[in-house]
Amino acid sequence: MAKVTSKYQVTVPRKIADAYAIRPGDEIDWVPAGDVIHVIPPGKRAVALDRESRLRLFDRATERQGWRATAPRPMESPDRGWSREDLYDRGRVDRHQHSGLSIR
């Protein structure tokens, strides 16, 4: 997490700067996006979309979500040779069984 100094300056974390090739002296863009701020690294361009473009993207995303909700799911084979309960006991040793003790 970065702190804002009294001069309203922010230090870019080293991992982020390396990942996006941000170097001292580079100019970065700050783009308000509702409740968050997008930081655009050098060489990239923030694309401002008009209302129609944003609505078109929203409609496409809504269609994808609707398709995902109704898409057929692969059926699980009921004859798989094991049950969910078998997984819980796998690799566990019954200490009473292997200690030579008999419990009645």
Protein backbone atom coordinates (compact mmCIF):
# COMPACT_ATOMS: atom_id res chain seq x y z
CA MET A 1 0.00 0.00 0.00
CA ALA A 2 1.29 3.45 -0.86
CA LYS A 3 0.88 6.59 1.24
CA VAL A 4 0.07 10.04 -0.06
CA THR A 5 2.63 12.61 1.12
CA SER A 6 1.86 16.16 2.25
CA LYS A 7 2.66 17.22 -1.34
CA TYR A 8 0.07 14.72 -2.67
CA GLN A 9 2.77 12.47 -4.08
CA VAL A 10 2.47 8.68 -4.24
CA THR A 11 5.29 6.16 -4.52
CA VAL A 12 4.67 3.36 -6.99
CA PRO A 13 5.56 0.00 -5.39
CA ARG A 14 8.68 -1.55 -6.97
CA LYS A 15 6.91 -4.73 -8.15
CA ILE A 16 4.23 -2.68 -9.91
CA ALA A 17 6.79 -0.32 -11.45
CA ASP A 18 8.84 -3.27 -12.74
CA ALA A 19 5.80 -5.12 -14.07
CA TYR A 20 4.61 -2.08 -16.04
CA ALA A 21 8.03 -0.65 -16.95
CA ILE A 22 7.44 2.57 -15.02
CA ARG A 23 10.67 4.52 -14.58
CA PRO A 24 11.56 7.77 -12.77
CA GLY A 25 10.40 10.71 -14.84
CA ASP A 26 7.64 8.78 -16.63
CA GLU A 27 4.20 10.33 -16.75
CA ILE A 28 1.25 8.22 -15.71
CA ASP A 29 -2.42 9.01 -16.14
CA TRP A 30 -4.96 9.00 -13.32
CA VAL A 31 -8.48 8.21 -14.50
CA PRO A 32 -11.47 8.42 -12.14
CA ALA A 33 -13.73 5.39 -12.49
CA GLY A 34 -16.60 5.66 -10.04
CA ASP A 35 -15.37 4.69 -6.58
CA VAL A 36 -11.88 3.78 -7.81
CA ILE A 37 -9.03 5.39 -9.73
CA HIS A 38 -7.32 3.71 -12.67
CA VAL A 39 -3.60 4.40 -13.03
CA ILE A 40 -2.53 4.17 -16.67
CA PRO A 41 1.18 3.37 -17.19
CA PRO A 42 3.31 5.11 -19.80
CA GLY A 43 2.76 3.95 -23.37
CA LYS A 44 -0.83 2.95 -22.65
CA ARG A 45 -3.81 5.07 -23.37
CA ALA A 46 -6.95 5.44 -21.34
CA VAL A 47 -9.87 5.05 -23.69
CA ALA A 48 -12.84 7.18 -22.79
CA LEU A 49 -15.99 5.44 -23.94
CA ASP A 50 -19.13 7.31 -24.76
CA ARG A 51 -22.44 6.32 -23.18
CA GLU A 52 -23.53 4.20 -26.15
CA SER A 53 -20.28 2.20 -26.15
CA ARG A 54 -20.51 1.53 -22.42
CA LEU A 55 -24.14 0.41 -22.75
CA ARG A 56 -23.23 -1.89 -25.67
CA LEU A 57 -20.41 -3.47 -23.59
CA PHE A 58 -22.77 -3.84 -20.64
CA ASP A 59 -25.41 -5.54 -22.82
CA ARG A 60 -22.83 -7.99 -24.21
CA ALA A 61 -21.62 -8.84 -20.70
CA THR A 62 -25.23 -9.36 -19.57
CA GLU A 63 -25.84 -11.74 -22.49
CA ARG A 64 -22.72 -13.75 -21.58
CA GLN A 65 -23.88 -14.02 -17.97
CA GLY A 66 -27.32 -15.19 -19.09
CA TRP A 67 -25.78 -17.82 -21.33
CA ARG A 68 -23.52 -19.06 -18.51
CA ALA A 69 -26.48 -19.39 -16.15
CA THR A 70 -28.41 -21.57 -18.63
CA ALA A 71 -25.50 -23.47 -20.19
CA PRO A 72 -25.73 -27.25 -19.77
CA ARG A 73 -23.42 -28.60 -17.09
CA PRO A 74 -21.52 -31.84 -17.63
CA MET A 75 -23.23 -34.67 -15.80
CA GLU A 76 -21.31 -36.50 -13.13
CA SER A 77 -21.11 -40.21 -13.61
CA PRO A 78 -22.99 -41.94 -10.78
CA ASP A 79 -20.77 -45.01 -11.21
CA ARG A 80 -17.35 -43.51 -10.54
CA GLY A 81 -16.15 -46.18 -8.11
CA TRP A 82 -15.95 -43.91 -5.06
CA SER A 83 -18.13 -41.67 -2.97
CA ARG A 84 -17.52 -38.26 -1.44
CA GLU A 85 -17.34 -39.93 1.99
CA ASP A 86 -14.49 -42.14 0.75
CA LEU A 87 -12.42 -38.99 0.19
CA TYR A 88 -12.77 -37.87 3.79
CA ASP A 89 -11.31 -41.12 5.18
CA ARG A 90 -8.61 -41.56 2.54
CA GLY A 91 -5.12 -41.83 4.04
CA ARG A 92 -6.28 -41.92 7.65
CA VAL A 93 -5.26 -44.73 9.92
CA ASP A 94 -7.58 -46.05 12.60
CA ARG A 95 -5.27 -45.99 15.62
CA HIS A 96 -7.30 -48.60 17.49
CA GLN A 97 -7.17 -51.02 14.61
CA HIS A 98 -3.37 -50.81 14.22
CA SER A 99 -2.37 -50.65 17.89
CA GLY A 100 -3.23 -54.26 18.62
CA LEU A 101 -6.00 -53.21 20.99
CA SER A 102 -9.45 -54.56 20.57
CA ILE A 103 -12.31 -52.36 21.51
CA ARG A 104 -15.54 -54.01 22.50
